[in-house]
Amino acid sequence: MTDSANTPEPKTRKSSTQRRTGAGDNKPSSVELLSRARVQLTELIGMSAESVTSFEQTEDGWTLEIEVLELARVPDTMSLLASYEVSLDPQGELTGYRRIRRYERGRTDPHRPGGP
């Protein structure tokens, strides 16, 4: 008969997210934040979020800029894209968004005043 009080508890491995963020702080990783933001925006606006072009932590959570395919055209360089500014709370839940510009895929940004 074995004494269960003397049997060591099995060790559990922490996931890579737990190792990066701590075991119980519920803070999502950067990759998880970006992925969740794209999914949430796609669900809200009904258009495909293609890429995240900027990502910044703020006092209130996170601010991202996400490129969205608004109108697919042939050839693809004529498709209409839009950039959306997206706000997330510290846990990665979307708290707001707004479209900040719309453009054809094949066009480059014009020179902005004060920029390089």
C-alpha atoms as a PDB file:
ATOM      1  CA  MET A   1       0.000   0.000   0.000  1.00  0.00           C
ATOM      2  CA  THR A   2       1.391   3.407  -0.954  1.00  0.00           C
ATOM      3  CA  ASP A   3       1.055   6.546   1.099  1.00  0.00           C
ATOM      4  CA  SER A   4      -0.471   9.228  -1.122  1.00  0.00           C
ATOM      5  CA  ALA A   5       0.687  11.978   1.265  1.00  0.00           C
ATOM      6  CA  ASN A   6       4.315  11.190   0.414  1.00  0.00           C
ATOM      7  CA  THR A   7       3.761  10.908  -3.331  1.00  0.00           C
ATOM      8  CA  PRO A   8       5.072  13.985  -5.110  1.00  0.00           C
ATOM      9  CA  GLU A   9       2.629  15.929  -7.234  1.00  0.00           C
ATOM     10  CA  PRO A  10       3.283  15.635 -10.965  1.00  0.00           C
ATOM     11  CA  LYS A  11       4.972  18.677 -12.412  1.00  0.00           C
ATOM     12  CA  THR A  12       3.011  20.589 -15.002  1.00  0.00           C
ATOM     13  CA  ARG A  13       4.641  22.487 -17.790  1.00  0.00           C
ATOM     14  CA  LYS A  14       3.681  26.073 -18.350  1.00  0.00           C
ATOM     15  CA  SER A  15       2.667  27.005 -21.836  1.00  0.00           C
ATOM     16  CA  SER A  16       4.903  29.396 -23.740  1.00  0.00           C
ATOM     17  CA  THR A  17       2.358  32.150 -23.080  1.00  0.00           C
ATOM     18  CA  GLN A  18       2.380  31.457 -19.347  1.00  0.00           C
ATOM     19  CA  ARG A  19       6.194  31.501 -19.288  1.00  0.00           C
ATOM     20  CA  ARG A  20       6.270  34.875 -21.060  1.00  0.00           C
ATOM     21  CA  THR A  21       3.493  36.591 -19.138  1.00  0.00           C
ATOM     22  CA  GLY A  22       3.393  34.861 -15.762  1.00  0.00           C
ATOM     23  CA  ALA A  23       1.124  32.034 -14.664  1.00  0.00           C
ATOM     24  CA  GLY A  24      -1.903  33.943 -13.455  1.00  0.00           C
ATOM     25  CA  ASP A  25      -1.871  37.494 -14.746  1.00  0.00           C
ATOM     26  CA  ASN A  26      -4.178  36.832 -17.783  1.00  0.00           C
ATOM     27  CA  LYS A  27      -2.101  39.179 -19.929  1.00  0.00           C
ATOM     28  CA  PRO A  28      -2.228  38.045 -23.562  1.00  0.00           C
ATOM     29  CA  SER A  29       0.957  37.935 -25.619  1.00  0.00           C
ATOM     30  CA  SER A  30       1.524  40.434 -28.428  1.00  0.00           C
ATOM     31  CA  VAL A  31       0.796  37.785 -31.049  1.00  0.00           C
ATOM     32  CA  GLU A  32      -2.473  36.896 -29.320  1.00  0.00           C
ATOM     33  CA  LEU A  33      -3.462  40.584 -29.136  1.00  0.00           C
ATOM     34  CA  LEU A  34      -2.820  41.120 -32.849  1.00  0.00           C
ATOM     35  CA  SER A  35      -4.664  37.977 -33.849  1.00  0.00           C
ATOM     36  CA  ARG A  36      -7.675  38.726 -31.640  1.00  0.00           C
ATOM     37  CA  ALA A  37      -7.853  42.320 -32.899  1.00  0.00           C
ATOM     38  CA  ARG A  38      -7.948  41.146 -36.537  1.00  0.00           C
ATOM     39  CA  VAL A  39     -10.677  38.593 -35.779  1.00  0.00           C
ATOM     40  CA  GLN A  40     -12.792  41.055 -33.784  1.00  0.00           C
ATOM     41  CA  LEU A  41     -12.555  43.784 -36.438  1.00  0.00           C
ATOM     42  CA  THR A  42     -13.429  41.312 -39.219  1.00  0.00           C
ATOM     43  CA  GLU A  43     -16.509  40.176 -37.280  1.00  0.00           C
ATOM     44  CA  LEU A  44     -17.663  43.756 -36.683  1.00  0.00           C
ATOM     45  CA  ILE A  45     -17.214  45.210 -40.166  1.00  0.00           C
ATOM     46  CA  GLY A  46     -17.717  42.067 -42.245  1.00  0.00           C
ATOM     47  CA  MET A  47     -14.577  42.609 -44.322  1.00  0.00           C
ATOM     48  CA  SER A  48     -11.241  40.791 -44.307  1.00  0.00           C
ATOM     49  CA  ALA A  49      -8.520  42.251 -42.067  1.00  0.00           C
ATOM     50  CA  GLU A  50      -5.328  41.636 -44.039  1.00  0.00           C
ATOM     51  CA  SER A  51      -2.495  42.891 -41.850  1.00  0.00           C
ATOM     52  CA  VAL A  52      -1.529  44.917 -38.810  1.00  0.00           C
ATOM     53  CA  THR A  53       0.638  47.851 -39.867  1.00  0.00           C
ATOM     54  CA  SER A  54       1.235  49.426 -36.452  1.00  0.00           C
ATOM     55  CA  PHE A  55       0.934  48.335 -32.826  1.00  0.00           C
ATOM     56  CA  GLU A  56       1.444  50.493 -29.749  1.00  0.00           C
ATOM     57  CA  GLN A  57       0.753  50.135 -26.028  1.00  0.00           C
ATOM     58  CA  THR A  58      -1.127  53.066 -24.471  1.00  0.00           C
ATOM     59  CA  GLU A  59      -2.215  53.986 -20.961  1.00  0.00           C
ATOM     60  CA  ASP A  60      -5.660  52.492 -21.686  1.00  0.00           C
ATOM     61  CA  GLY A  61      -4.515  49.337 -23.493  1.00  0.00           C
ATOM     62  CA  TRP A  62      -3.375  49.138 -27.109  1.00  0.00           C
ATOM     63  CA  THR A  63      -3.773  51.023 -30.393  1.00  0.00           C
ATOM     64  CA  LEU A  64      -3.349  49.261 -33.727  1.00  0.00           C
ATOM     65  CA  GLU A  65      -3.633  50.163 -37.368  1.00  0.00           C
ATOM     66  CA  ILE A  66      -5.102  47.345 -39.448  1.00  0.00           C
ATOM     67  CA  GLU A  67      -5.352  47.130 -43.248  1.00  0.00           C
ATOM     68  CA  VAL A  68      -8.696  45.829 -44.501  1.00  0.00           C
ATOM     69  CA  LEU A  69      -9.670  44.657 -47.977  1.00  0.00           C
ATOM     70  CA  GLU A  70     -12.847  46.655 -48.655  1.00  0.00           C
ATOM     71  CA  LEU A  71     -13.392  45.911 -52.350  1.00  0.00           C
ATOM     72  CA  ALA A  72     -11.630  43.214 -54.368  1.00  0.00           C
ATOM     73  CA  ARG A  73     -10.968  44.131 -58.005  1.00  0.00           C
ATOM     74  CA  VAL A  74      -9.183  42.663 -60.997  1.00  0.00           C
ATOM     75  CA  PRO A  75      -6.308  43.255 -61.294  1.00  0.00           C
ATOM     76  CA  ASP A  76      -5.582  42.989 -57.576  1.00  0.00           C
ATOM     77  CA  THR A  77      -3.546  46.211 -57.647  1.00  0.00           C
ATOM     78  CA  MET A  78      -6.834  48.073 -58.185  1.00  0.00           C
ATOM     79  CA  SER A  79      -8.502  46.581 -55.079  1.00  0.00           C
ATOM     80  CA  LEU A  80      -9.612  49.081 -52.447  1.00  0.00           C
ATOM     81  CA  LEU A  81      -7.976  48.839 -49.037  1.00  0.00           C
ATOM     82  CA  ALA A  82      -8.629  50.859 -45.910  1.00  0.00           C
ATOM     83  CA  SER A  83      -6.640  51.499 -42.758  1.00  0.00           C
ATOM     84  CA  TYR A  84      -8.527  51.257 -39.505  1.00  0.00           C
ATOM     85  CA  GLU A  85      -7.335  52.558 -36.153  1.00  0.00           C
ATOM     86  CA  VAL A  86      -8.368  50.014 -33.526  1.00  0.00           C
ATOM     87  CA  SER A  87      -8.355  50.441 -29.747  1.00  0.00           C
ATOM     88  CA  LEU A  88      -8.064  47.481 -27.370  1.00  0.00           C
ATOM     89  CA  ASP A  89      -8.334  47.303 -23.599  1.00  0.00           C
ATOM     90  CA  PRO A  90      -5.414  45.740 -21.633  1.00  0.00           C
ATOM     91  CA  GLN A  91      -6.969  42.249 -22.026  1.00  0.00           C
ATOM     92  CA  GLY A  92      -7.194  42.594 -25.809  1.00  0.00           C
ATOM     93  CA  GLU A  93     -10.922  43.267 -26.191  1.00  0.00           C
ATOM     94  CA  LEU A  94     -11.791  45.731 -28.939  1.00  0.00           C
ATOM     95  CA  THR A  95     -13.157  48.978 -27.474  1.00  0.00           C
ATOM     96  CA  GLY A  96     -13.373  51.085 -30.633  1.00  0.00           C
ATOM     97  CA  TYR A  97     -12.348  51.501 -34.257  1.00  0.00           C
ATOM     98  CA  ARG A  98     -12.475  54.063 -37.050  1.00  0.00           C
ATOM     99  CA  ARG A  99     -11.466  54.117 -40.702  1.00  0.00           C
ATOM    100  CA  ILE A 100      -8.630  56.589 -41.160  1.00  0.00           C
ATOM    101  CA  ARG A 101      -7.950  56.266 -44.891  1.00  0.00           C
ATOM    102  CA  ARG A 102      -9.016  54.401 -48.029  1.00  0.00           C
ATOM    103  CA  TYR A 103      -6.788  53.730 -51.046  1.00  0.00           C
ATOM    104  CA  GLU A 104      -6.087  51.472 -54.020  1.00  0.00           C
ATOM    105  CA  ARG A 105      -3.680  48.621 -53.295  1.00  0.00           C
ATOM    106  CA  GLY A 106      -1.264  49.685 -56.032  1.00  0.00           C
ATOM    107  CA  ARG A 107      -0.900  53.275 -54.767  1.00  0.00           C
ATOM    108  CA  THR A 108       1.762  54.530 -52.421  1.00  0.00           C
ATOM    109  CA  ASP A 109       1.173  57.127 -49.708  1.00  0.00           C
ATOM    110  CA  PRO A 110       1.848  60.676 -50.862  1.00  0.00           C
ATOM    111  CA  HIS A 111       4.593  62.582 -49.110  1.00  0.00           C
ATOM    112  CA  ARG A 112       3.254  63.724 -45.733  1.00  0.00           C
ATOM    113  CA  PRO A 113       4.233  67.163 -44.382  1.00  0.00           C
ATOM    114  CA  GLY A 114       6.852  66.850 -41.661  1.00  0.00           C
ATOM    115  CA  GLY A 115       7.769  63.321 -42.755  1.00  0.00           C
ATOM    116  CA  PRO A 116      10.911  62.041 -44.448  1.00  0.00           C
END
